[in-house]
Amino acid sequence: KMALSFQVSGADKDQLVTSLAAIILADSGADITADSINSVLSASGNTVPAYFPTLYASFIEKCGGLDKFFAGPSAGAAPAAGGAAPAAAGAAAPAAVEKPKEEEVDALDG
């Protein structure tokens, strides 16, 4: 049996416990709001700066959900593993987009 132990403090701890609170809420099917994040943090005995739950809830809402929030800026570039990929596989392939023809000009030709 292997024990895992590490210490996190300061802003890193605040970010970690707020993220974990959001994950707990998502896994339980609850809405991720500042109040619900505060409730989970209080129940776990953690405190963070007052703006953290509001900030996280706002970002998660604007990102379109927790999966995209944690995926970062490239979330729209590729589907998450096991997520939208199977659904997209059944969809018809998009029609090929034809590039406009570019005219070649010789700068030395007068």
N, C-alpha and C. Protein backbone atom coordinates (compact mmCIF):
# COMPACT_ATOMS: atom_id res chain seq x y z
N LYS A 1 0.85 -1.18 0.00
CA LYS A 1 0.00 0.00 0.00
C LYS A 1 0.89 1.24 0.00
N MET A 2 0.59 2.16 -0.90
CA MET A 2 1.41 3.37 -1.02
C MET A 2 0.63 4.57 -0.53
N ALA A 3 1.24 5.35 0.34
CA ALA A 3 0.60 6.55 0.85
C ALA A 3 1.09 7.75 0.04
N LEU A 4 0.18 8.62 -0.31
CA LEU A 4 0.52 9.81 -1.06
C LEU A 4 0.26 11.02 -0.17
N SER A 5 1.27 11.83 0.01
CA SER A 5 1.13 12.99 0.86
C SER A 5 1.89 14.16 0.27
N PHE A 6 1.27 15.32 0.25
CA PHE A 6 1.95 16.52 -0.19
C PHE A 6 1.31 17.73 0.48
N GLN A 7 2.07 18.79 0.58
CA GLN A 7 1.58 20.01 1.22
C GLN A 7 1.38 21.09 0.16
N VAL A 8 0.25 21.74 0.20
CA VAL A 8 -0.06 22.83 -0.70
C VAL A 8 -0.50 24.00 0.17
N SER A 9 0.00 25.18 -0.14
CA SER A 9 -0.39 26.33 0.67
C SER A 9 -0.56 27.57 -0.20
N GLY A 10 -1.09 28.60 0.42
CA GLY A 10 -1.25 29.88 -0.25
C GLY A 10 -2.24 29.82 -1.41
N ALA A 11 -1.91 30.57 -2.47
CA ALA A 11 -2.79 30.67 -3.63
C ALA A 11 -2.98 29.32 -4.31
N ASP A 12 -1.93 28.47 -4.28
CA ASP A 12 -2.06 27.14 -4.88
C ASP A 12 -3.13 26.32 -4.18
N LYS A 13 -3.18 26.41 -2.87
CA LYS A 13 -4.20 25.69 -2.10
C LYS A 13 -5.59 26.24 -2.41
N ASP A 14 -5.69 27.56 -2.49
CA ASP A 14 -6.99 28.18 -2.78
C ASP A 14 -7.52 27.72 -4.14
N GLN A 15 -6.64 27.69 -5.13
CA GLN A 15 -7.04 27.24 -6.46
C GLN A 15 -7.42 25.77 -6.45
N LEU A 16 -6.63 24.97 -5.74
CA LEU A 16 -6.89 23.53 -5.69
C LEU A 16 -8.23 23.22 -5.03
N VAL A 17 -8.48 23.78 -3.86
CA VAL A 17 -9.72 23.44 -3.16
C VAL A 17 -10.95 24.00 -3.89
N THR A 18 -10.80 25.14 -4.55
CA THR A 18 -11.93 25.69 -5.31
C THR A 18 -12.21 24.82 -6.54
N SER A 19 -11.16 24.38 -7.20
CA SER A 19 -11.32 23.47 -8.35
C SER A 19 -11.96 22.16 -7.93
N LEU A 20 -11.50 21.62 -6.82
CA LEU A 20 -12.06 20.35 -6.33
C LEU A 20 -13.52 20.51 -5.93
N ALA A 21 -13.87 21.66 -5.36
CA ALA A 21 -15.27 21.91 -5.00
C ALA A 21 -16.13 21.93 -6.27
N ALA A 22 -15.62 22.55 -7.34
CA ALA A 22 -16.36 22.59 -8.60
C ALA A 22 -16.52 21.18 -9.18
N ILE A 23 -15.48 20.37 -9.07
CA ILE A 23 -15.55 18.98 -9.57
C ILE A 23 -16.57 18.18 -8.77
N ILE A 24 -16.57 18.35 -7.47
CA ILE A 24 -17.55 17.65 -6.61
C ILE A 24 -18.96 18.03 -7.02
N LEU A 25 -19.20 19.32 -7.25
CA LEU A 25 -20.53 19.77 -7.65
C LEU A 25 -20.94 19.19 -9.00
N ALA A 26 -20.00 19.19 -9.94
CA ALA A 26 -20.30 18.64 -11.27
C ALA A 26 -20.60 17.15 -11.19
N ASP A 27 -19.80 16.42 -10.40
CA ASP A 27 -20.02 14.98 -10.27
C ASP A 27 -21.34 14.65 -9.60
N SER A 28 -21.80 15.54 -8.72
CA SER A 28 -23.07 15.28 -8.04
C SER A 28 -24.26 15.79 -8.84
N GLY A 29 -23.99 16.47 -9.95
CA GLY A 29 -25.08 16.95 -10.79
C GLY A 29 -25.65 18.28 -10.34
N ALA A 30 -25.02 18.93 -9.38
CA ALA A 30 -25.50 20.21 -8.88
C ALA A 30 -25.02 21.35 -9.77
N ASP A 31 -25.74 22.46 -9.72
CA ASP A 31 -25.31 23.65 -10.45
C ASP A 31 -24.04 24.20 -9.82
N ILE A 32 -23.14 24.66 -10.65
CA ILE A 32 -21.89 25.23 -10.15
C ILE A 32 -22.07 26.74 -10.05
N THR A 33 -22.38 27.18 -8.85
CA THR A 33 -22.57 28.60 -8.57
C THR A 33 -21.62 28.99 -7.45
N ALA A 34 -21.46 30.29 -7.25
CA ALA A 34 -20.60 30.77 -6.17
C ALA A 34 -21.11 30.26 -4.82
N ASP A 35 -22.43 30.27 -4.64
CA ASP A 35 -22.99 29.80 -3.36
C ASP A 35 -22.74 28.31 -3.14
N SER A 36 -22.90 27.51 -4.21
CA SER A 36 -22.68 26.08 -4.04
C SER A 36 -21.21 25.76 -3.81
N ILE A 37 -20.31 26.49 -4.48
CA ILE A 37 -18.88 26.30 -4.23
C ILE A 37 -18.55 26.67 -2.79
N ASN A 38 -19.11 27.78 -2.31
CA ASN A 38 -18.90 28.18 -0.91
C ASN A 38 -19.40 27.12 0.06
N SER A 39 -20.53 26.52 -0.26
CA SER A 39 -21.09 25.48 0.61
C SER A 39 -20.15 24.27 0.72
N VAL A 40 -19.60 23.84 -0.42
CA VAL A 40 -18.67 22.70 -0.42
C VAL A 40 -17.40 23.07 0.34
N LEU A 41 -16.90 24.28 0.10
CA LEU A 41 -15.69 24.72 0.80
C LEU A 41 -15.91 24.77 2.31
N SER A 42 -17.04 25.29 2.74
CA SER A 42 -17.36 25.36 4.16
C SER A 42 -17.48 23.97 4.77
N ALA A 43 -18.16 23.07 4.05
CA ALA A 43 -18.34 21.71 4.55
C ALA A 43 -17.01 20.97 4.68
N SER A 44 -16.04 21.34 3.83
CA SER A 44 -14.74 20.67 3.88
C SER A 44 -13.76 21.36 4.83
N GLY A 45 -14.19 22.46 5.42
CA GLY A 45 -13.33 23.17 6.37
C GLY A 45 -12.29 24.05 5.70
N ASN A 46 -12.49 24.38 4.44
CA ASN A 46 -11.54 25.24 3.73
C ASN A 46 -12.08 26.64 3.58
N THR A 47 -11.17 27.60 3.55
CA THR A 47 -11.53 28.98 3.28
C THR A 47 -10.64 29.51 2.16
N VAL A 48 -11.22 30.33 1.31
CA VAL A 48 -10.50 30.96 0.21
C VAL A 48 -10.90 32.43 0.19
N PRO A 49 -10.16 33.27 -0.53
CA PRO A 49 -10.59 34.66 -0.65
C PRO A 49 -12.02 34.73 -1.20
N ALA A 50 -12.76 35.71 -0.77
CA ALA A 50 -14.19 35.81 -1.09
C ALA A 50 -14.48 35.83 -2.58
N TYR A 51 -13.56 36.31 -3.39
CA TYR A 51 -13.82 36.42 -4.82
C TYR A 51 -13.60 35.10 -5.57
N PHE A 52 -12.92 34.14 -4.99
CA PHE A 52 -12.61 32.89 -5.69
C PHE A 52 -13.86 32.13 -6.17
N PRO A 53 -14.83 31.84 -5.31
CA PRO A 53 -16.00 31.09 -5.78
C PRO A 53 -16.76 31.81 -6.90
N THR A 54 -16.89 33.13 -6.78
CA THR A 54 -17.58 33.90 -7.82
C THR A 54 -16.79 33.86 -9.12
N LEU A 55 -15.49 34.01 -9.03
CA LEU A 55 -14.62 33.98 -10.20
C LEU A 55 -14.70 32.63 -10.92
N TYR A 56 -14.58 31.56 -10.16
CA TYR A 56 -14.62 30.22 -10.74
C TYR A 56 -15.98 29.93 -11.36
N ALA A 57 -17.05 30.24 -10.64
CA ALA A 57 -18.40 29.97 -11.16
C ALA A 57 -18.64 30.76 -12.44
N SER A 58 -18.19 32.00 -12.47
CA SER A 58 -18.36 32.83 -13.66
C SER A 58 -17.58 32.28 -14.85
N PHE A 59 -16.32 31.91 -14.63
CA PHE A 59 -15.51 31.36 -15.71
C PHE A 59 -16.08 30.04 -16.22
N ILE A 60 -16.51 29.19 -15.32
CA ILE A 60 -17.07 27.90 -15.73
C ILE A 60 -18.32 28.10 -16.58
N GLU A 61 -19.16 29.03 -16.17
CA GLU A 61 -20.37 29.32 -16.93
C GLU A 61 -20.03 29.88 -18.31
N LYS A 62 -19.08 30.80 -18.37
CA LYS A 62 -18.70 31.41 -19.65
C LYS A 62 -18.01 30.42 -20.58
N CYS A 63 -17.31 29.44 -20.01
CA CYS A 63 -16.61 28.44 -20.82
C CYS A 63 -17.56 27.40 -21.39
N GLY A 64 -18.73 27.30 -20.82
CA GLY A 64 -19.68 26.30 -21.31
C GLY A 64 -19.60 24.99 -20.56
N GLY A 65 -19.07 25.00 -19.37
CA GLY A 65 -19.04 23.80 -18.56
C GLY A 65 -17.67 23.49 -18.01
N LEU A 66 -17.64 22.58 -17.08
CA LEU A 66 -16.42 22.24 -16.37
C LEU A 66 -15.39 21.57 -17.27
N ASP A 67 -15.82 20.73 -18.21
CA ASP A 67 -14.86 20.05 -19.09
C ASP A 67 -14.05 21.06 -19.89
N LYS A 68 -14.72 22.03 -20.46
CA LYS A 68 -14.02 23.04 -21.25
C LYS A 68 -13.20 23.96 -20.36
N PHE A 69 -13.68 24.23 -19.15
CA PHE A 69 -12.94 25.09 -18.22
C PHE A 69 -11.58 24.49 -17.89
N PHE A 70 -11.55 23.20 -17.58
CA PHE A 70 -10.30 22.55 -17.21
C PHE A 70 -9.43 22.21 -18.42
N ALA A 71 -10.03 22.15 -19.60
CA ALA A 71 -9.26 21.83 -20.80
C ALA A 71 -8.38 22.99 -21.24
N GLY A 72 -8.74 24.20 -20.90
CA GLY A 72 -7.93 25.35 -21.25
C GLY A 72 -8.28 25.95 -22.60
N PRO A 73 -7.41 26.81 -23.12
CA PRO A 73 -7.72 27.56 -24.33
C PRO A 73 -7.90 26.72 -25.57
N SER A 74 -7.33 25.55 -25.65
CA SER A 74 -7.45 24.73 -26.86
C SER A 74 -8.65 23.79 -26.81
N ALA A 75 -9.57 24.00 -25.90
CA ALA A 75 -10.70 23.09 -25.73
C ALA A 75 -11.55 22.95 -26.98
N GLY A 76 -11.66 24.00 -27.76
CA GLY A 76 -12.48 23.93 -28.96
C GLY A 76 -11.77 23.26 -30.13
N ALA A 77 -10.47 23.07 -30.02
CA ALA A 77 -9.70 22.54 -31.14
C ALA A 77 -9.91 21.04 -31.36
N ALA A 78 -10.07 20.28 -30.29
CA ALA A 78 -10.23 18.84 -30.43
C ALA A 78 -11.20 18.33 -29.38
N PRO A 79 -11.98 17.30 -29.71
CA PRO A 79 -12.90 16.76 -28.73
C PRO A 79 -12.15 16.05 -27.60
N ALA A 80 -12.75 16.07 -26.43
CA ALA A 80 -12.16 15.38 -25.29
C ALA A 80 -12.18 13.88 -25.54
N ALA A 81 -11.24 13.17 -24.99
CA ALA A 81 -11.15 11.72 -25.18
C ALA A 81 -12.42 11.06 -24.69
N GLY A 82 -13.05 10.30 -25.56
CA GLY A 82 -14.26 9.57 -25.18
C GLY A 82 -15.50 10.44 -25.12
N GLY A 83 -15.38 11.72 -25.37
CA GLY A 83 -16.52 12.63 -25.26
C GLY A 83 -17.29 12.73 -26.55
N ALA A 84 -17.04 13.78 -27.30
CA ALA A 84 -17.81 14.06 -28.51
C ALA A 84 -17.30 13.28 -29.71
N ALA A 85 -16.16 12.66 -29.62
CA ALA A 85 -15.59 11.95 -30.77
C ALA A 85 -16.52 10.86 -31.32
N PRO A 86 -17.11 9.98 -30.49
CA PRO A 86 -17.99 8.96 -31.05
C PRO A 86 -19.21 9.56 -31.73
N ALA A 87 -19.75 10.62 -31.20
CA ALA A 87 -20.92 11.24 -31.83
C ALA A 87 -20.52 11.87 -33.15
N ALA A 88 -19.34 12.48 -33.18
CA ALA A 88 -18.89 13.13 -34.40
C ALA A 88 -18.56 12.10 -35.48
N ALA A 89 -18.15 10.92 -35.10
CA ALA A 89 -17.80 9.89 -36.06
C ALA A 89 -19.01 9.47 -36.88
N GLY A 90 -20.19 9.52 -36.31
CA GLY A 90 -21.40 9.14 -37.02
C GLY A 90 -21.93 10.23 -37.92
N ALA A 91 -21.46 11.44 -37.73
CA ALA A 91 -21.94 12.56 -38.54
C ALA A 91 -21.28 12.52 -39.92
N ALA A 92 -21.97 13.07 -40.88
CA ALA A 92 -21.43 13.11 -42.24
C ALA A 92 -20.24 14.04 -42.28
N ALA A 93 -19.27 13.70 -43.12
CA ALA A 93 -18.08 14.53 -43.26
C ALA A 93 -18.47 15.84 -43.93
N PRO A 94 -17.90 16.96 -43.47
CA PRO A 94 -18.26 18.24 -44.09
C PRO A 94 -17.76 18.29 -45.53
N ALA A 95 -18.47 19.03 -46.36
CA ALA A 95 -18.09 19.15 -47.76
C ALA A 95 -16.74 19.85 -47.86
N ALA A 96 -15.96 19.45 -48.85
CA ALA A 96 -14.64 20.05 -49.04
C ALA A 96 -14.80 21.51 -49.42
N VAL A 97 -14.00 22.34 -48.81
CA VAL A 97 -14.04 23.76 -49.09
C VAL A 97 -13.00 24.05 -50.17
N GLU A 98 -13.44 24.64 -51.26
CA GLU A 98 -12.54 24.93 -52.36
C GLU A 98 -11.81 26.24 -52.09
N LYS A 99 -10.49 26.21 -52.22
CA LYS A 99 -9.69 27.41 -52.02
C LYS A 99 -9.84 28.32 -53.24
N PRO A 100 -9.90 29.63 -53.00
CA PRO A 100 -9.94 30.52 -54.15
C PRO A 100 -8.59 30.47 -54.87
N LYS A 101 -8.64 30.61 -56.20
CA LYS A 101 -7.42 30.55 -56.98
C LYS A 101 -6.63 31.84 -56.76
N GLU A 102 -5.32 31.65 -56.57
CA GLU A 102 -4.45 32.80 -56.38
C GLU A 102 -3.73 33.08 -57.69
N GLU A 103 -3.69 34.33 -58.06
CA GLU A 103 -3.02 34.71 -59.29
C GLU A 103 -1.53 34.88 -59.00
N GLU A 104 -0.72 34.26 -59.83
CA GLU A 104 0.72 34.38 -59.65
C GLU A 104 1.21 35.60 -60.43
N VAL A 105 2.02 36.39 -59.78
CA VAL A 105 2.56 37.60 -60.40
C VAL A 105 4.07 37.54 -60.29
N ASP A 106 4.74 37.72 -61.40
CA ASP A 106 6.21 37.74 -61.41
C ASP A 106 6.64 39.20 -61.22
N ALA A 107 7.33 39.47 -60.13
CA ALA A 107 7.73 40.84 -59.82
C ALA A 107 8.74 41.38 -60.82
N LEU A 108 9.48 40.52 -61.48
CA LEU A 108 10.48 40.98 -62.43
C LEU A 108 9.92 41.16 -63.83
N ASP A 109 8.73 40.62 -64.04
CA ASP A 109 8.09 40.70 -65.35
C ASP A 109 7.34 42.03 -65.44
N GLY A 110 7.61 42.83 -66.44
CA GLY A 110 7.06 44.18 -66.54
C GLY A 110 5.83 44.22 -67.28
